[in-house]
Amino acid sequence: NLLKHSCFICWSSPGDTEVIEMDERVLAKAAEIR
């Protein structure tokens, strides 16, 4: 759902950015696994 918002980084908090970065790493790992 976060990906639906194009500018969520502009208003997200540092904690949200960390979660997003973590999710990106998870997606990258998932892509590697695939």
Full PDB file with SEQRES, HELIX, SHEET, SSBOND, CRYST1, ORIGX, SCALE, CONECT and MASTER records, all heavy atoms in Angstrom:
SEQRES   1 A   34  ASN LEU LEU LYS HIS SER CYS PHE ILE CYS TRP SER SER          
SEQRES   2 A   34  PRO GLY ASP THR GLU VAL ILE GLU MET ASP GLU ARG VAL          
SEQRES   3 A   34  LEU ALA LYS ALA ALA GLU ILE ARG                              
HELIX    1 AA1 LEU A    2  LYS A    4  5                                   3    
HELIX    2 AA2 PHE A    8  TRP A   11  1                                   4    
HELIX    3 AA3 PRO A   14  ILE A   33  1                                  20    
CRYST1    1.000    1.000    1.000  90.00  90.00  90.00 P 1           1          
ORIGX1      1.000000  0.000000  0.000000        0.00000                         
ORIGX2      0.000000  1.000000  0.000000        0.00000                         
ORIGX3      0.000000  0.000000  1.000000        0.00000                         
SCALE1      1.000000  0.000000  0.000000        0.00000                         
SCALE2      0.000000  1.000000  0.000000        0.00000                         
SCALE3      0.000000  0.000000  1.000000        0.00000                         
ATOM      1  N   ASN A   1       0.839  -1.202   0.000  1.00  0.00           N  
ATOM      2  CA  ASN A   1       0.000   0.000   0.000  1.00  0.00           C  
ATOM      3  C   ASN A   1       0.870   1.247   0.000  1.00  0.00           C  
ATOM      4  O   ASN A   1       0.487   2.268  -0.576  1.00  0.00           O  
ATOM      5  CB  ASN A   1      -0.907   0.016   1.219  1.00  0.00           C  
ATOM      6  CG  ASN A   1      -1.975  -1.063   1.128  1.00  0.00           C  
ATOM      7  OD1 ASN A   1      -2.431  -1.391   0.029  1.00  0.00           O  
ATOM      8  ND2 ASN A   1      -2.379  -1.599   2.268  1.00  0.00           N  
ATOM      9  N   LEU A   2       2.046   1.158   0.649  1.00  0.00           N  
ATOM     10  CA  LEU A   2       2.939   2.319   0.660  1.00  0.00           C  
ATOM     11  C   LEU A   2       3.443   2.622  -0.733  1.00  0.00           C  
ATOM     12  O   LEU A   2       3.670   3.790  -1.076  1.00  0.00           O  
ATOM     13  CB  LEU A   2       4.132   2.060   1.586  1.00  0.00           C  
ATOM     14  CG  LEU A   2       3.836   2.037   3.099  1.00  0.00           C  
ATOM     15  CD1 LEU A   2       5.090   1.635   3.852  1.00  0.00           C  
ATOM     16  CD2 LEU A   2       3.355   3.389   3.581  1.00  0.00           C  
ATOM     17  N   LEU A   3       3.626   1.586  -1.518  1.00  0.00           N  
ATOM     18  CA  LEU A   3       4.145   1.797  -2.864  1.00  0.00           C  
ATOM     19  C   LEU A   3       3.160   2.569  -3.738  1.00  0.00           C  
ATOM     20  O   LEU A   3       3.551   3.101  -4.768  1.00  0.00           O  
ATOM     21  CB  LEU A   3       4.479   0.451  -3.499  1.00  0.00           C  
ATOM     22  CG  LEU A   3       5.625  -0.317  -2.836  1.00  0.00           C  
ATOM     23  CD1 LEU A   3       5.802  -1.663  -3.523  1.00  0.00           C  
ATOM     24  CD2 LEU A   3       6.920   0.481  -2.859  1.00  0.00           C  
ATOM     25  N   LYS A   4       1.892   2.599  -3.329  1.00  0.00           N  
ATOM     26  CA  LYS A   4       0.891   3.327  -4.110  1.00  0.00           C  
ATOM     27  C   LYS A   4       1.102   4.833  -4.017  1.00  0.00           C  
ATOM     28  O   LYS A   4       0.621   5.579  -4.863  1.00  0.00           O  
ATOM     29  CB  LYS A   4      -0.507   2.965  -3.649  1.00  0.00           C  
ATOM     30  CG  LYS A   4      -0.866   1.508  -3.909  1.00  0.00           C  
ATOM     31  CD  LYS A   4      -2.267   1.219  -3.387  1.00  0.00           C  
ATOM     32  CE  LYS A   4      -2.620  -0.241  -3.623  1.00  0.00           C  
ATOM     33  NZ  LYS A   4      -3.968  -0.566  -3.101  1.00  0.00           N  
ATOM     34  N   HIS A   5       1.777   5.296  -2.975  1.00  0.00           N  
ATOM     35  CA  HIS A   5       1.993   6.738  -2.757  1.00  0.00           C  
ATOM     36  C   HIS A   5       3.337   7.102  -3.318  1.00  0.00           C  
ATOM     37  O   HIS A   5       4.371   6.616  -2.857  1.00  0.00           O  
ATOM     38  CB  HIS A   5       1.921   7.075  -1.272  1.00  0.00           C  
ATOM     39  CG  HIS A   5       0.609   6.660  -0.647  1.00  0.00           C  
ATOM     40  ND1 HIS A   5      -0.556   7.399  -0.779  1.00  0.00           N  
ATOM     41  CD2 HIS A   5       0.288   5.566   0.085  1.00  0.00           C  
ATOM     42  CE1 HIS A   5      -1.531   6.788  -0.135  1.00  0.00           C  
ATOM     43  NE2 HIS A   5      -1.050   5.656   0.410  1.00  0.00           N  
ATOM     44  N   SER A   6       3.357   7.950  -4.321  1.00  0.00           N  
ATOM     45  CA  SER A   6       4.590   8.260  -5.014  1.00  0.00           C  
ATOM     46  C   SER A   6       5.526   9.116  -4.200  1.00  0.00           C  
ATOM     47  O   SER A   6       6.734   9.060  -4.402  1.00  0.00           O  
ATOM     48  CB  SER A   6       4.261   8.949  -6.346  1.00  0.00           C  
ATOM     49  OG  SER A   6       3.547  10.139  -6.108  1.00  0.00           O  
ATOM     50  N   CYS A   7       5.050   9.896  -3.248  1.00  0.00           N  
ATOM     51  CA  CYS A   7       5.904  10.825  -2.505  1.00  0.00           C  
ATOM     52  C   CYS A   7       5.876  10.537  -1.016  1.00  0.00           C  
ATOM     53  O   CYS A   7       5.944  11.449  -0.194  1.00  0.00           O  
ATOM     54  CB  CYS A   7       5.471  12.269  -2.751  1.00  0.00           C  
ATOM     55  SG  CYS A   7       5.651  12.795  -4.459  1.00  0.00           S  
ATOM     56  N   PHE A   8       5.773   9.246  -0.648  1.00  0.00           N  
ATOM     57  CA  PHE A   8       5.654   8.943   0.790  1.00  0.00           C  
ATOM     58  C   PHE A   8       6.947   9.237   1.515  1.00  0.00           C  
ATOM     59  O   PHE A   8       6.958   9.465   2.703  1.00  0.00           O  
ATOM     60  CB  PHE A   8       5.214   7.489   1.013  1.00  0.00           C  
ATOM     61  CG  PHE A   8       6.242   6.494   0.596  1.00  0.00           C  
ATOM     62  CD1 PHE A   8       7.172   6.028   1.519  1.00  0.00           C  
ATOM     63  CD2 PHE A   8       6.294   6.047  -0.712  1.00  0.00           C  
ATOM     64  CE1 PHE A   8       8.098   5.096   1.121  1.00  0.00           C  
ATOM     65  CE2 PHE A   8       7.228   5.128  -1.084  1.00  0.00           C  
ATOM     66  CZ  PHE A   8       8.146   4.651  -0.172  1.00  0.00           C  
ATOM     67  N   ILE A   9       8.112   9.211   0.803  1.00  0.00           N  
ATOM     68  CA  ILE A   9       9.383   9.504   1.475  1.00  0.00           C  
ATOM     69  C   ILE A   9       9.421  10.940   1.968  1.00  0.00           C  
ATOM     70  O   ILE A   9      10.035  11.253   2.986  1.00  0.00           O  
ATOM     71  CB  ILE A   9      10.556   9.216   0.522  1.00  0.00           C  
ATOM     72  CG1 ILE A   9      10.559   7.734   0.160  1.00  0.00           C  
ATOM     73  CG2 ILE A   9      11.894   9.631   1.123  1.00  0.00           C  
ATOM     74  CD1 ILE A   9      11.633   7.360  -0.835  1.00  0.00           C  
ATOM     75  N   CYS A  10       8.691  11.823   1.240  1.00  0.00           N  
ATOM     76  CA  CYS A  10       8.716  13.245   1.611  1.00  0.00           C  
ATOM     77  C   CYS A  10       8.100  13.483   2.988  1.00  0.00           C  
ATOM     78  O   CYS A  10       8.537  14.358   3.728  1.00  0.00           O  
ATOM     79  CB  CYS A  10       7.973  14.081   0.566  1.00  0.00           C  
ATOM     80  SG  CYS A  10       8.723  13.943  -1.065  1.00  0.00           S  
ATOM     81  N   TRP A  11       7.065  12.725   3.352  1.00  0.00           N  
ATOM     82  CA  TRP A  11       6.399  12.965   4.627  1.00  0.00           C  
ATOM     83  C   TRP A  11       6.606  11.868   5.638  1.00  0.00           C  
ATOM     84  O   TRP A  11       6.118  11.921   6.748  1.00  0.00           O  
ATOM     85  CB  TRP A  11       4.891  13.160   4.406  1.00  0.00           C  
ATOM     86  CG  TRP A  11       4.248  12.070   3.598  1.00  0.00           C  
ATOM     87  CD1 TRP A  11       4.040  12.060   2.287  1.00  0.00           C  
ATOM     88  CD2 TRP A  11       3.728  10.825   4.111  1.00  0.00           C  
ATOM     89  NE1 TRP A  11       3.439  10.909   1.877  1.00  0.00           N  
ATOM     90  CE2 TRP A  11       3.211  10.115   3.026  1.00  0.00           C  
ATOM     91  CE3 TRP A  11       3.643  10.255   5.406  1.00  0.00           C  
ATOM     92  CZ2 TRP A  11       2.635   8.869   3.146  1.00  0.00           C  
ATOM     93  CZ3 TRP A  11       3.053   9.033   5.507  1.00  0.00           C  
ATOM     94  CH2 TRP A  11       2.564   8.334   4.411  1.00  0.00           C  
ATOM     95  N   SER A  12       7.386  10.756   5.231  1.00  0.00           N  
ATOM     96  CA  SER A  12       7.574   9.658   6.168  1.00  0.00           C  
ATOM     97  C   SER A  12       8.600  10.043   7.219  1.00  0.00           C  
ATOM     98  O   SER A  12       9.468  10.885   6.997  1.00  0.00           O  
ATOM     99  CB  SER A  12       8.030   8.409   5.421  1.00  0.00           C  
ATOM    100  OG  SER A  12       9.277   8.655   4.777  1.00  0.00           O  
ATOM    101  N   SER A  13       8.519   9.339   8.347  1.00  0.00           N  
ATOM    102  CA  SER A  13       9.438   9.573   9.461  1.00  0.00           C  
ATOM    103  C   SER A  13      10.688   8.752   9.267  1.00  0.00           C  
ATOM    104  O   SER A  13      10.723   7.858   8.423  1.00  0.00           O  
ATOM    105  CB  SER A  13       8.752   9.182  10.770  1.00  0.00           C  
ATOM    106  OG  SER A  13       8.495   7.783  10.758  1.00  0.00           O  
ATOM    107  N   PRO A  14      11.769   9.004  10.036  1.00  0.00           N  
ATOM    108  CA  PRO A  14      12.992   8.173   9.930  1.00  0.00           C  
ATOM    109  C   PRO A  14      12.713   6.705  10.174  1.00  0.00           C  
ATOM    110  O   PRO A  14      13.309   5.853   9.542  1.00  0.00           O  
ATOM    111  CB  PRO A  14      13.898   8.770  11.001  1.00  0.00           C  
ATOM    112  CG  PRO A  14      13.448  10.191  11.132  1.00  0.00           C  
ATOM    113  CD  PRO A  14      11.968  10.175  10.934  1.00  0.00           C  
ATOM    114  N   GLY A  15      11.813   6.385  11.048  1.00  0.00           N  
ATOM    115  CA  GLY A  15      11.480   4.981  11.292  1.00  0.00           C  
ATOM    116  C   GLY A  15      10.853   4.337  10.078  1.00  0.00           C  
ATOM    117  O   GLY A  15      11.126   3.185   9.743  1.00  0.00           O  
ATOM    118  N   ASP A  16       9.976   5.113   9.405  1.00  0.00           N  
ATOM    119  CA  ASP A  16       9.367   4.591   8.188  1.00  0.00           C  
ATOM    120  C   ASP A  16      10.404   4.376   7.100  1.00  0.00           C  
ATOM    121  O   ASP A  16      10.335   3.399   6.340  1.00  0.00           O  
ATOM    122  CB  ASP A  16       8.293   5.551   7.690  1.00  0.00           C  
ATOM    123  CG  ASP A  16       7.126   5.617   8.662  1.00  0.00           C  
ATOM    124  OD1 ASP A  16       6.944   4.615   9.398  1.00  0.00           O  
ATOM    125  OD2 ASP A  16       6.428   6.624   8.682  1.00  0.00           O  
ATOM    126  N   THR A  17      11.359   5.271   6.990  1.00  0.00           N  
ATOM    127  CA  THR A  17      12.427   5.119   5.987  1.00  0.00           C  
ATOM    128  C   THR A  17      13.223   3.857   6.248  1.00  0.00           C  
ATOM    129  O   THR A  17      13.589   3.124   5.324  1.00  0.00           O  
ATOM    130  CB  THR A  17      13.355   6.342   6.036  1.00  0.00           C  
ATOM    131  OG1 THR A  17      12.572   7.522   5.795  1.00  0.00           O  
ATOM    132  CG2 THR A  17      14.444   6.219   4.951  1.00  0.00           C  
ATOM    133  N   GLU A  18      13.477   3.590   7.528  1.00  0.00           N  
ATOM    134  CA  GLU A  18      14.217   2.378   7.884  1.00  0.00           C  
ATOM    135  C   GLU A  18      13.437   1.120   7.493  1.00  0.00           C  
ATOM    136  O   GLU A  18      14.007   0.145   6.967  1.00  0.00           O  
ATOM    137  CB  GLU A  18      14.492   2.375   9.380  1.00  0.00           C  
ATOM    138  CG  GLU A  18      15.314   1.172   9.844  1.00  0.00           C  
ATOM    139  CD  GLU A  18      15.580   1.224  11.340  1.00  0.00           C  
ATOM    140  OE1 GLU A  18      15.237   2.220  11.981  1.00  0.00           O  
ATOM    141  OE2 GLU A  18      16.129   0.225  11.837  1.00  0.00           O  
ATOM    142  N   VAL A  19      12.127   1.177   7.719  1.00  0.00           N  
ATOM    143  CA  VAL A  19      11.286   0.037   7.338  1.00  0.00           C  
ATOM    144  C   VAL A  19      11.294  -0.156   5.825  1.00  0.00           C  
ATOM    145  O   VAL A  19      11.393  -1.283   5.314  1.00  0.00           O  
ATOM    146  CB  VAL A  19       9.854   0.228   7.852  1.00  0.00           C  
ATOM    147  CG1 VAL A  19       8.927  -0.847   7.271  1.00  0.00           C  
ATOM    148  CG2 VAL A  19       9.827   0.177   9.367  1.00  0.00           C  
ATOM    149  N   ILE A  20      11.235   0.968   5.116  1.00  0.00           N  
ATOM    150  CA  ILE A  20      11.234   0.891   3.656  1.00  0.00           C  
ATOM    151  C   ILE A  20      12.545   0.316   3.160  1.00  0.00           C  
ATOM    152  O   ILE A  20      12.575  -0.544   2.269  1.00  0.00           O  
ATOM    153  CB  ILE A  20      10.967   2.276   3.062  1.00  0.00           C  
ATOM    154  CG1 ILE A  20       9.525   2.721   3.384  1.00  0.00           C  
ATOM    155  CG2 ILE A  20      11.196   2.266   1.546  1.00  0.00           C  
ATOM    156  CD1 ILE A  20       9.228   4.141   3.036  1.00  0.00           C  
ATOM    157  N   GLU A  21      13.657   0.788   3.734  1.00  0.00           N  
ATOM    158  CA  GLU A  21      14.958   0.260   3.337  1.00  0.00           C  
ATOM    159  C   GLU A  21      15.049  -1.238   3.651  1.00  0.00           C  
ATOM    160  O   GLU A  21      15.601  -2.021   2.872  1.00  0.00           O  
ATOM    161  CB  GLU A  21      16.073   1.021   4.039  1.00  0.00           C  
ATOM    162  CG  GLU A  21      16.204   2.460   3.552  1.00  0.00           C  
ATOM    163  CD  GLU A  21      17.267   3.219   4.332  1.00  0.00           C  
ATOM    164  OE1 GLU A  21      17.785   2.623   5.315  1.00  0.00           O  
ATOM    165  OE2 GLU A  21      17.584   4.360   3.962  1.00  0.00           O  
ATOM    166  N   MET A  22      14.498  -1.607   4.820  1.00  0.00           N  
ATOM    167  CA  MET A  22      14.502  -3.021   5.187  1.00  0.00           C  
ATOM    168  C   MET A  22      13.669  -3.838   4.200  1.00  0.00           C  
ATOM    169  O   MET A  22      14.080  -4.924   3.760  1.00  0.00           O  
ATOM    170  CB  MET A  22      13.949  -3.192   6.598  1.00  0.00           C  
ATOM    171  CG  MET A  22      13.931  -4.635   7.082  1.00  0.00           C  
ATOM    172  SD  MET A  22      15.604  -5.316   7.289  1.00  0.00           S  
ATOM    173  CE  MET A  22      16.130  -4.364   8.722  1.00  0.00           C  
ATOM    174  N   ASP A  23      12.505  -3.288   3.821  1.00  0.00           N  
ATOM    175  CA  ASP A  23      11.662  -3.989   2.860  1.00  0.00           C  
ATOM    176  C   ASP A  23      12.339  -4.094   1.504  1.00  0.00           C  
ATOM    177  O   ASP A  23      12.201  -5.096   0.810  1.00  0.00           O  
ATOM    178  CB  ASP A  23      10.325  -3.259   2.721  1.00  0.00           C  
ATOM    179  CG  ASP A  23       9.453  -3.479   3.949  1.00  0.00           C  
ATOM    180  OD1 ASP A  23       9.730  -4.454   4.680  1.00  0.00           O  
ATOM    181  OD2 ASP A  23       8.517  -2.711   4.163  1.00  0.00           O  
ATOM    182  N   GLU A  24      13.084  -3.031   1.129  1.00  0.00           N  
ATOM    183  CA  GLU A  24      13.812  -3.096  -0.147  1.00  0.00           C  
ATOM    184  C   GLU A  24      14.870  -4.185  -0.121  1.00  0.00           C  
ATOM    185  O   GLU A  24      15.062  -4.913  -1.101  1.00  0.00           O  
ATOM    186  CB  GLU A  24      14.441  -1.732  -0.441  1.00  0.00           C  
ATOM    187  CG  GLU A  24      13.417  -0.670  -0.819  1.00  0.00           C  
ATOM    188  CD  GLU A  24      14.057   0.676  -1.050  1.00  0.00           C  
ATOM    189  OE1 GLU A  24      15.268   0.801  -0.730  1.00  0.00           O  
ATOM    190  OE2 GLU A  24      13.379   1.583  -1.536  1.00  0.00           O  
ATOM    191  N   ARG A  25      15.560  -4.286   1.028  1.00  0.00           N  
ATOM    192  CA  ARG A  25      16.561  -5.355   1.150  1.00  0.00           C  
ATOM    193  C   ARG A  25      15.890  -6.725   1.104  1.00  0.00           C  
ATOM    194  O   ARG A  25      16.417  -7.685   0.505  1.00  0.00           O  
ATOM    195  CB  ARG A  25      17.351  -5.187   2.458  1.00  0.00           C  
ATOM    196  CG  ARG A  25      18.307  -4.008   2.433  1.00  0.00           C  
ATOM    197  CD  ARG A  25      19.332  -4.132   3.537  1.00  0.00           C  
ATOM    198  NE  ARG A  25      18.744  -4.101   4.857  1.00  0.00           N  
ATOM    199  CZ  ARG A  25      18.479  -3.006   5.543  1.00  0.00           C  
ATOM    200  NH1 ARG A  25      18.761  -1.809   5.030  1.00  0.00           N  
ATOM    201  NH2 ARG A  25      17.954  -3.073   6.733  1.00  0.00           N  
ATOM    202  N   VAL A  26      14.701  -6.822   1.733  1.00  0.00           N  
ATOM    203  CA  VAL A  26      13.970  -8.087   1.703  1.00  0.00           C  
ATOM    204  C   VAL A  26      13.574  -8.439   0.261  1.00  0.00           C  
ATOM    205  O   VAL A  26      13.705  -9.586  -0.191  1.00  0.00           O  
ATOM    206  CB  VAL A  26      12.733  -8.027   2.609  1.00  0.00           C  
ATOM    207  CG1 VAL A  26      11.826  -9.234   2.371  1.00  0.00           C  
ATOM    208  CG2 VAL A  26      13.141  -7.967   4.073  1.00  0.00           C  
ATOM    209  N   LEU A  27      13.103  -7.412  -0.465  1.00  0.00           N  
ATOM    210  CA  LEU A  27      12.724  -7.644  -1.855  1.00  0.00           C  
ATOM    211  C   LEU A  27      13.933  -8.059  -2.692  1.00  0.00           C  
ATOM    212  O   LEU A  27      13.841  -8.935  -3.550  1.00  0.00           O  
ATOM    213  CB  LEU A  27      12.086  -6.381  -2.444  1.00  0.00           C  
ATOM    214  CG  LEU A  27      10.698  -6.031  -1.911  1.00  0.00           C  
ATOM    215  CD1 LEU A  27      10.241  -4.682  -2.477  1.00  0.00           C  
ATOM    216  CD2 LEU A  27       9.683  -7.108  -2.281  1.00  0.00           C  
ATOM    217  N   ALA A  28      15.075  -7.401  -2.405  1.00  0.00           N  
ATOM    218  CA  ALA A  28      16.294  -7.756  -3.134  1.00  0.00           C  
ATOM    219  C   ALA A  28      16.699  -9.189  -2.833  1.00  0.00           C  
ATOM    220  O   ALA A  28      17.070  -9.953  -3.738  1.00  0.00           O  
ATOM    221  CB  ALA A  28      17.426  -6.789  -2.767  1.00  0.00           C  
ATOM    222  N   LYS A  29      16.624  -9.560  -1.542  1.00  0.00           N  
ATOM    223  CA  LYS A  29      16.953 -10.941  -1.188  1.00  0.00           C  
ATOM    224  C   LYS A  29      15.973 -11.924  -1.829  1.00  0.00           C  
ATOM    225  O   LYS A  29      16.366 -13.007  -2.277  1.00  0.00           O  
ATOM    226  CB  LYS A  29      16.946 -11.110   0.338  1.00  0.00           C  
ATOM    227  CG  LYS A  29      18.083 -10.408   1.056  1.00  0.00           C  
ATOM    228  CD  LYS A  29      19.422 -11.019   0.687  1.00  0.00           C  
ATOM    229  CE  LYS A  29      20.570 -10.346   1.430  1.00  0.00           C  
ATOM    230  NZ  LYS A  29      21.874 -10.890   1.034  1.00  0.00           N  
ATOM    231  N   ALA A  30      14.702 -11.531  -1.827  1.00  0.00           N  
ATOM    232  CA  ALA A  30      13.705 -12.396  -2.449  1.00  0.00           C  
ATOM    233  C   ALA A  30      13.976 -12.557  -3.937  1.00  0.00           C  
ATOM    234  O   ALA A  30      13.840 -13.648  -4.502  1.00  0.00           O  
ATOM    235  CB  ALA A  30      12.300 -11.829  -2.221  1.00  0.00           C  
ATOM    236  N   ALA A  31      14.401 -11.444  -4.582  1.00  0.00           N  
ATOM    237  CA  ALA A  31      14.740 -11.525  -6.005  1.00  0.00           C  
ATOM    238  C   ALA A  31      15.947 -12.438  -6.205  1.00  0.00           C  
ATOM    239  O   ALA A  31      15.988 -13.232  -7.153  1.00  0.00           O  
ATOM    240  CB  ALA A  31      15.027 -10.122  -6.552  1.00  0.00           C  
ATOM    241  N   GLU A  32      16.944 -12.301  -5.295  1.00  0.00           N  
ATOM    242  CA  GLU A  32      18.106 -13.183  -5.395  1.00  0.00           C  
ATOM    243  C   GLU A  32      17.701 -14.641  -5.234  1.00  0.00           C  
ATOM    244  O   GLU A  32      18.196 -15.534  -5.945  1.00  0.00           O  
ATOM    245  CB  GLU A  32      19.134 -12.804  -4.332  1.00  0.00           C  
ATOM    246  CG  GLU A  32      19.831 -11.479  -4.578  1.00  0.00           C  
ATOM    247  CD  GLU A  32      20.839 -11.163  -3.489  1.00  0.00           C  
ATOM    248  OE1 GLU A  32      21.062 -12.042  -2.634  1.00  0.00           O  
ATOM    249  OE2 GLU A  32      21.403 -10.064  -3.481  1.00  0.00           O  
ATOM    250  N   ILE A  33      16.777 -14.863  -4.265  1.00  0.00           N  
ATOM    251  CA  ILE A  33      16.316 -16.242  -4.031  1.00  0.00           C  
ATOM    252  C   ILE A  33      15.596 -16.762  -5.262  1.00  0.00           C  
ATOM    253  O   ILE A  33      15.781 -17.912  -5.676  1.00  0.00           O  
ATOM    254  CB  ILE A  33      15.406 -16.295  -2.786  1.00  0.00           C  
ATOM    255  CG1 ILE A  33      16.246 -16.065  -1.522  1.00  0.00           C  
ATOM    256  CG2 ILE A  33      14.676 -17.634  -2.711  1.00  0.00           C  
ATOM    257  CD1 ILE A  33      15.440 -15.904  -0.266  1.00  0.00           C  
ATOM    258  N   ARG A  34      14.760 -15.886  -5.881  1.00  0.00           N  
ATOM    259  CA  ARG A  34      14.069 -16.320  -7.089  1.00  0.00           C  
ATOM    260  C   ARG A  34      15.065 -16.640  -8.197  1.00  0.00           C  
ATOM    261  O   ARG A  34      14.903 -17.622  -8.918  1.00  0.00           O  
ATOM    262  CB  ARG A  34      13.078 -15.236  -7.554  1.00  0.00           C  
ATOM    263  CG  ARG A  34      11.778 -15.199  -6.759  1.00  0.00           C  
ATOM    264  CD  ARG A  34      10.726 -14.388  -7.484  1.00  0.00           C  
ATOM    265  NE  ARG A  34      11.139 -13.002  -7.670  1.00  0.00           N  
ATOM    266  CZ  ARG A  34      10.941 -12.029  -6.794  1.00  0.00           C  
ATOM    267  NH1 ARG A  34      10.326 -12.302  -5.647  1.00  0.00           N  
ATOM    268  NH2 ARG A  34      11.347 -10.799  -7.048  1.00  0.00           N  
TER     269      ARG A  34                                                      
MASTER        0    0    0    3    0    0    0    6  268    1    0    3          
END                                                                             
